[in-house]
Amino acid sequence: MPGRIVVASDDGTARLWNGEGEVLAVLEGHTSGVNTAAFNQDGSRIVTASDDGTARVWVGIMIEADATLVEAMLKEATRRVLPLLTEEECAAAWGIGCGEIRRVVLGE
C-alpha cells in the first residue's frame, strides 16, 4: 500500500499509518501481543499474527473520520494461502479465500 505502513504492537493491536505519521486505523481483535503485520502484494489486505495463537486477515478496510477499521468476511474464491507455523512445530497452509486450514504438516 503506497505511502502507508502497518505496525504490530505488544498491546494486541496493529496500527495503519500514513506517510505523514498519522494513525489511520487501529486493528483490534487479538487478545495478546501482535508480532507480525504485513500487507498482501496488492495492498488490499493486511495479515496479522499474534501471541494468542491466531492469525487474522483484514479486508474491506474503511478509514472514516473516527479512524475505525471494519473487518469484513473473506467471500471471494482465491487460491492464495497463508503459511503458518505453530508452537507445536506444525506447519499449516491457511486458505485465505475460504478461511480454512488447507493442509497441516506435523513436526517430529
N, C-alpha and C. Protein backbone atom coordinates (compact mmCIF):
# COMPACT_ATOMS: atom_id res chain seq x y z
N MET A 1 0.85 -1.16 0.00
CA MET A 1 0.00 0.00 0.00
C MET A 1 0.90 1.23 0.00
N PRO A 2 1.01 1.95 -1.10
CA PRO A 2 1.93 3.07 -1.19
C PRO A 2 1.65 4.15 -0.15
N GLY A 3 2.71 4.63 0.49
CA GLY A 3 2.57 5.71 1.45
C GLY A 3 1.95 5.31 2.77
N ARG A 4 1.79 4.02 3.01
CA ARG A 4 1.21 3.54 4.26
C ARG A 4 2.07 2.42 4.82
N ILE A 5 2.02 2.29 6.14
CA ILE A 5 2.77 1.22 6.80
C ILE A 5 1.87 0.64 7.89
N VAL A 6 1.99 -0.66 8.12
CA VAL A 6 1.26 -1.31 9.21
C VAL A 6 2.30 -1.81 10.21
N VAL A 7 2.04 -1.55 11.51
CA VAL A 7 2.99 -1.86 12.56
C VAL A 7 2.32 -2.72 13.63
N ALA A 8 2.96 -3.84 13.98
CA ALA A 8 2.47 -4.73 15.04
C ALA A 8 2.82 -4.15 16.40
N SER A 9 2.01 -4.48 17.42
CA SER A 9 2.24 -3.94 18.75
C SER A 9 2.00 -4.99 19.83
N ASP A 10 2.72 -4.85 20.95
CA ASP A 10 2.56 -5.76 22.08
C ASP A 10 1.22 -5.59 22.79
N ASP A 11 0.48 -4.53 22.49
CA ASP A 11 -0.80 -4.31 23.18
C ASP A 11 -1.96 -5.06 22.53
N GLY A 12 -1.67 -5.95 21.57
CA GLY A 12 -2.71 -6.74 20.93
C GLY A 12 -3.33 -6.09 19.71
N THR A 13 -2.74 -4.99 19.26
CA THR A 13 -3.26 -4.28 18.09
C THR A 13 -2.18 -4.16 17.03
N ALA A 14 -2.59 -3.74 15.86
CA ALA A 14 -1.68 -3.29 14.81
C ALA A 14 -2.22 -1.94 14.37
N ARG A 15 -1.35 -1.06 13.94
CA ARG A 15 -1.77 0.27 13.53
C ARG A 15 -1.37 0.54 12.09
N LEU A 16 -2.30 1.14 11.37
CA LEU A 16 -2.07 1.55 9.99
C LEU A 16 -1.73 3.03 10.01
N TRP A 17 -0.55 3.39 9.49
CA TRP A 17 -0.05 4.77 9.50
C TRP A 17 0.06 5.27 8.06
N ASN A 18 -0.11 6.58 7.89
CA ASN A 18 0.15 7.18 6.58
C ASN A 18 1.57 7.72 6.55
N GLY A 19 1.98 8.26 5.42
CA GLY A 19 3.33 8.77 5.24
C GLY A 19 3.66 9.99 6.07
N GLU A 20 2.65 10.66 6.62
CA GLU A 20 2.86 11.84 7.46
C GLU A 20 2.95 11.48 8.94
N GLY A 21 2.90 10.19 9.28
CA GLY A 21 2.99 9.77 10.67
C GLY A 21 1.68 9.81 11.42
N GLU A 22 0.56 9.84 10.71
CA GLU A 22 -0.75 9.85 11.35
C GLU A 22 -1.32 8.44 11.37
N VAL A 23 -1.94 8.07 12.49
CA VAL A 23 -2.60 6.77 12.58
C VAL A 23 -3.91 6.83 11.82
N LEU A 24 -4.05 5.97 10.82
CA LEU A 24 -5.28 5.91 10.04
C LEU A 24 -6.29 4.94 10.63
N ALA A 25 -5.79 3.87 11.24
CA ALA A 25 -6.69 2.86 11.80
C ALA A 25 -5.95 2.04 12.84
N VAL A 26 -6.71 1.53 13.80
CA VAL A 26 -6.19 0.60 14.79
C VAL A 26 -6.92 -0.73 14.58
N LEU A 27 -6.16 -1.78 14.33
CA LEU A 27 -6.72 -3.11 14.09
C LEU A 27 -6.78 -3.83 15.42
N GLU A 28 -7.98 -3.98 15.96
CA GLU A 28 -8.18 -4.61 17.26
C GLU A 28 -8.86 -5.95 17.09
N GLY A 29 -8.57 -6.88 17.98
CA GLY A 29 -9.22 -8.18 17.92
C GLY A 29 -8.39 -9.29 18.52
N HIS A 30 -7.07 -9.16 18.49
CA HIS A 30 -6.22 -10.16 19.11
C HIS A 30 -6.26 -9.98 20.63
N THR A 31 -6.04 -11.06 21.37
CA THR A 31 -6.08 -11.00 22.83
C THR A 31 -4.69 -11.00 23.46
N SER A 32 -3.66 -10.98 22.63
CA SER A 32 -2.29 -10.94 23.11
C SER A 32 -1.47 -10.14 22.10
N GLY A 33 -0.20 -9.93 22.39
CA GLY A 33 0.64 -9.11 21.52
C GLY A 33 0.66 -9.57 20.07
N VAL A 34 0.64 -8.61 19.16
CA VAL A 34 0.74 -8.89 17.73
C VAL A 34 2.22 -8.86 17.37
N ASN A 35 2.73 -9.95 16.79
CA ASN A 35 4.16 -10.00 16.48
C ASN A 35 4.48 -9.86 15.00
N THR A 36 3.46 -9.92 14.14
CA THR A 36 3.67 -9.77 12.71
C THR A 36 2.48 -9.04 12.10
N ALA A 37 2.77 -8.10 11.22
CA ALA A 37 1.72 -7.41 10.46
C ALA A 37 2.30 -7.06 9.10
N ALA A 38 1.56 -7.37 8.04
CA ALA A 38 2.06 -7.11 6.69
C ALA A 38 0.91 -6.96 5.71
N PHE A 39 1.16 -6.20 4.64
CA PHE A 39 0.21 -6.09 3.53
C PHE A 39 0.40 -7.28 2.60
N ASN A 40 -0.68 -7.67 1.91
CA ASN A 40 -0.51 -8.62 0.82
C ASN A 40 0.09 -7.87 -0.36
N GLN A 41 0.34 -8.57 -1.46
CA GLN A 41 1.08 -7.98 -2.58
C GLN A 41 0.42 -6.74 -3.16
N ASP A 42 -0.90 -6.73 -3.31
CA ASP A 42 -1.55 -5.56 -3.91
C ASP A 42 -2.06 -4.56 -2.89
N GLY A 43 -1.81 -4.81 -1.59
CA GLY A 43 -2.20 -3.87 -0.56
C GLY A 43 -3.67 -3.88 -0.18
N SER A 44 -4.42 -4.86 -0.67
CA SER A 44 -5.86 -4.90 -0.39
C SER A 44 -6.19 -5.59 0.93
N ARG A 45 -5.23 -6.29 1.51
CA ARG A 45 -5.44 -6.99 2.77
C ARG A 45 -4.24 -6.78 3.68
N ILE A 46 -4.50 -6.89 4.97
CA ILE A 46 -3.45 -6.89 5.97
C ILE A 46 -3.56 -8.21 6.72
N VAL A 47 -2.43 -8.86 6.97
CA VAL A 47 -2.39 -10.08 7.75
C VAL A 47 -1.67 -9.78 9.05
N THR A 48 -2.27 -10.19 10.18
CA THR A 48 -1.61 -10.05 11.48
C THR A 48 -1.54 -11.43 12.14
N ALA A 49 -0.48 -11.65 12.92
CA ALA A 49 -0.33 -12.88 13.69
C ALA A 49 0.02 -12.48 15.12
N SER A 50 -0.52 -13.23 16.07
CA SER A 50 -0.43 -12.83 17.47
C SER A 50 0.10 -13.94 18.36
N ASP A 51 0.59 -13.54 19.53
CA ASP A 51 0.99 -14.50 20.55
C ASP A 51 -0.21 -15.26 21.11
N ASP A 52 -1.43 -14.83 20.80
CA ASP A 52 -2.61 -15.57 21.24
C ASP A 52 -2.86 -16.81 20.38
N GLY A 53 -1.99 -17.04 19.38
CA GLY A 53 -2.08 -18.22 18.54
C GLY A 53 -2.98 -18.07 17.33
N THR A 54 -3.42 -16.84 17.05
CA THR A 54 -4.29 -16.63 15.91
C THR A 54 -3.62 -15.77 14.85
N ALA A 55 -4.11 -15.92 13.64
CA ALA A 55 -3.74 -15.04 12.53
C ALA A 55 -5.05 -14.46 12.00
N ARG A 56 -5.03 -13.21 11.62
CA ARG A 56 -6.22 -12.55 11.08
C ARG A 56 -5.90 -11.92 9.75
N VAL A 57 -6.86 -11.99 8.85
CA VAL A 57 -6.76 -11.30 7.57
C VAL A 57 -7.78 -10.18 7.61
N TRP A 58 -7.30 -8.96 7.44
CA TRP A 58 -8.14 -7.77 7.50
C TRP A 58 -8.42 -7.31 6.08
N VAL A 59 -9.68 -7.30 5.69
CA VAL A 59 -10.09 -6.85 4.36
C VAL A 59 -11.22 -5.85 4.51
N GLY A 60 -11.53 -5.17 3.43
CA GLY A 60 -12.62 -4.20 3.48
C GLY A 60 -12.33 -3.06 4.42
N ILE A 61 -11.08 -2.63 4.48
CA ILE A 61 -10.70 -1.57 5.40
C ILE A 61 -11.35 -0.26 4.96
N MET A 62 -12.06 0.34 5.88
CA MET A 62 -12.72 1.62 5.60
C MET A 62 -12.19 2.64 6.61
N ILE A 63 -11.46 3.62 6.13
CA ILE A 63 -10.95 4.66 7.01
C ILE A 63 -12.00 5.77 7.06
N GLU A 64 -12.53 6.03 8.25
CA GLU A 64 -13.55 7.05 8.43
C GLU A 64 -13.00 8.16 9.31
N ALA A 65 -13.80 9.15 9.58
CA ALA A 65 -13.36 10.29 10.37
C ALA A 65 -12.86 9.87 11.75
N ASP A 66 -13.46 8.84 12.32
CA ASP A 66 -13.03 8.41 13.65
C ASP A 66 -11.93 7.35 13.60
N ALA A 67 -11.37 7.13 12.43
CA ALA A 67 -10.24 6.22 12.23
C ALA A 67 -10.53 4.82 12.75
N THR A 68 -11.71 4.31 12.46
CA THR A 68 -12.03 2.94 12.84
C THR A 68 -11.76 2.01 11.67
N LEU A 69 -11.70 0.75 11.97
CA LEU A 69 -11.43 -0.23 10.93
C LEU A 69 -12.55 -1.25 10.94
N VAL A 70 -13.04 -1.58 9.78
CA VAL A 70 -14.09 -2.59 9.64
C VAL A 70 -13.46 -3.86 9.09
N GLU A 71 -13.67 -4.94 9.79
CA GLU A 71 -13.16 -6.24 9.33
C GLU A 71 -14.30 -6.92 8.59
N ALA A 72 -14.07 -7.25 7.34
CA ALA A 72 -15.09 -7.91 6.53
C ALA A 72 -14.74 -9.37 6.35
N MET A 73 -15.72 -10.15 6.07
CA MET A 73 -15.52 -11.58 5.81
C MET A 73 -14.89 -11.75 4.43
N LEU A 74 -14.07 -12.77 4.32
CA LEU A 74 -13.50 -13.10 3.02
C LEU A 74 -14.54 -13.88 2.24
N LYS A 75 -14.95 -13.36 1.10
CA LYS A 75 -16.00 -14.01 0.33
C LYS A 75 -15.54 -14.50 -1.04
N GLU A 76 -14.55 -13.87 -1.61
CA GLU A 76 -14.16 -14.26 -2.95
C GLU A 76 -13.27 -15.50 -2.92
N ALA A 77 -13.40 -16.30 -3.93
CA ALA A 77 -12.57 -17.50 -4.03
C ALA A 77 -11.18 -17.11 -4.51
N THR A 78 -10.18 -17.69 -3.92
CA THR A 78 -8.81 -17.44 -4.32
C THR A 78 -7.98 -18.68 -4.03
N ARG A 79 -6.89 -18.83 -4.72
CA ARG A 79 -6.01 -19.97 -4.49
C ARG A 79 -4.86 -19.60 -3.56
N ARG A 80 -4.82 -18.41 -3.08
CA ARG A 80 -3.71 -17.98 -2.23
C ARG A 80 -3.85 -18.56 -0.83
N VAL A 81 -2.70 -18.85 -0.25
CA VAL A 81 -2.69 -19.40 1.11
C VAL A 81 -1.71 -18.61 1.97
N LEU A 82 -1.93 -18.66 3.28
CA LEU A 82 -1.06 -18.03 4.25
C LEU A 82 -0.35 -19.14 5.01
N PRO A 83 0.99 -19.23 4.92
CA PRO A 83 1.69 -20.26 5.68
C PRO A 83 1.77 -19.87 7.15
N LEU A 84 1.49 -20.82 8.03
CA LEU A 84 1.53 -20.58 9.47
C LEU A 84 2.42 -21.63 10.12
N LEU A 85 3.08 -21.26 11.22
CA LEU A 85 3.89 -22.19 12.00
C LEU A 85 3.44 -22.07 13.44
N THR A 86 3.12 -23.20 14.08
CA THR A 86 2.60 -23.17 15.44
C THR A 86 3.69 -23.52 16.44
N GLU A 87 3.41 -23.26 17.73
CA GLU A 87 4.35 -23.61 18.78
C GLU A 87 4.54 -25.11 18.89
N GLU A 88 3.56 -25.88 18.43
CA GLU A 88 3.63 -27.33 18.48
C GLU A 88 4.44 -27.90 17.32
N GLU A 89 5.18 -27.05 16.63
CA GLU A 89 6.02 -27.43 15.49
C GLU A 89 5.21 -28.03 14.35
N CYS A 90 4.04 -27.49 14.13
CA CYS A 90 3.21 -27.88 13.00
C CYS A 90 3.21 -26.73 11.99
N ALA A 91 3.26 -27.09 10.74
CA ALA A 91 3.14 -26.09 9.69
C ALA A 91 1.76 -26.27 9.06
N ALA A 92 1.13 -25.17 8.71
CA ALA A 92 -0.21 -25.25 8.11
C ALA A 92 -0.30 -24.26 6.97
N ALA A 93 -1.16 -24.56 6.04
CA ALA A 93 -1.46 -23.64 4.94
C ALA A 93 -2.92 -23.24 5.09
N TRP A 94 -3.15 -21.96 5.33
CA TRP A 94 -4.50 -21.46 5.55
C TRP A 94 -4.99 -20.83 4.27
N GLY A 95 -6.09 -21.31 3.74
CA GLY A 95 -6.67 -20.77 2.52
C GLY A 95 -7.32 -19.43 2.80
N ILE A 96 -6.76 -18.35 2.27
CA ILE A 96 -7.28 -17.01 2.53
C ILE A 96 -8.67 -16.85 1.95
N GLY A 97 -8.93 -17.41 0.81
CA GLY A 97 -10.24 -17.25 0.19
C GLY A 97 -11.36 -17.94 0.94
N CYS A 98 -11.07 -19.12 1.52
CA CYS A 98 -12.11 -19.89 2.19
C CYS A 98 -12.05 -19.76 3.70
N GLY A 99 -10.94 -19.25 4.24
CA GLY A 99 -10.80 -19.09 5.67
C GLY A 99 -10.63 -20.40 6.43
N GLU A 100 -10.14 -21.43 5.76
CA GLU A 100 -9.97 -22.74 6.38
C GLU A 100 -8.52 -23.21 6.25
N ILE A 101 -8.12 -24.06 7.21
CA ILE A 101 -6.82 -24.71 7.11
C ILE A 101 -6.88 -25.70 5.96
N ARG A 102 -5.96 -25.57 5.02
CA ARG A 102 -5.96 -26.43 3.83
C ARG A 102 -5.04 -27.63 3.99
N ARG A 103 -3.99 -27.49 4.78
CA ARG A 103 -3.03 -28.59 4.92
C ARG A 103 -2.25 -28.39 6.20
N VAL A 104 -2.00 -29.47 6.91
CA VAL A 104 -1.21 -29.42 8.14
C VAL A 104 -0.09 -30.44 8.04
N VAL A 105 1.12 -30.03 8.41
CA VAL A 105 2.27 -30.93 8.44
C VAL A 105 2.75 -30.96 9.89
N LEU A 106 2.71 -32.14 10.51
CA LEU A 106 3.09 -32.28 11.91
C LEU A 106 4.59 -32.36 12.05
N GLY A 107 5.11 -31.72 13.11
CA GLY A 107 6.53 -31.76 13.39
C GLY A 107 6.91 -33.08 14.05
N GLU A 108 8.22 -33.29 14.20
CA GLU A 108 8.69 -34.54 14.81
C GLU A 108 8.69 -34.43 16.30
